[in-house]
């Protein structure tokens, strides 16, 4: 599976989406990362492809479990009692360049330029625009 299709997911996002569903096993196809802004991590069972060292330590310290997909298959062979989550795919830098042409009306597309100075792809077709 390509890296695009397994985006990382932070503990804060996992905690937010699993609120009220603590008895379920959270399944993340990607890496689980730590979030220093979170003071308290809930005790969750999380299955993921990878865990960062800090995320694994905080989950275990809170009384949760870190599972692999092999362990998940033994616990829940049919996938019942699980919550499948995915990180934000469009948060990558590459997706910021997609969309309508940069400079056109209503466009939020990032320019592919060497620099952002006054001489580099700036003052084109701007006289008639208000």
Foldseek 3Di string as FASTA:
>chain_A
DDCLQQDEDEQVVVCVVCVVLQQAEEEGAHEYEYDPVDDAGAAHHYEYCYYDPVRCVRNVVNVHHYHYVVVVCVVPVPRPRYHYDGDDSCPDPVNLQDDPDPPDPPDSRDDPWPDDDPVIPDPDPPPPPD
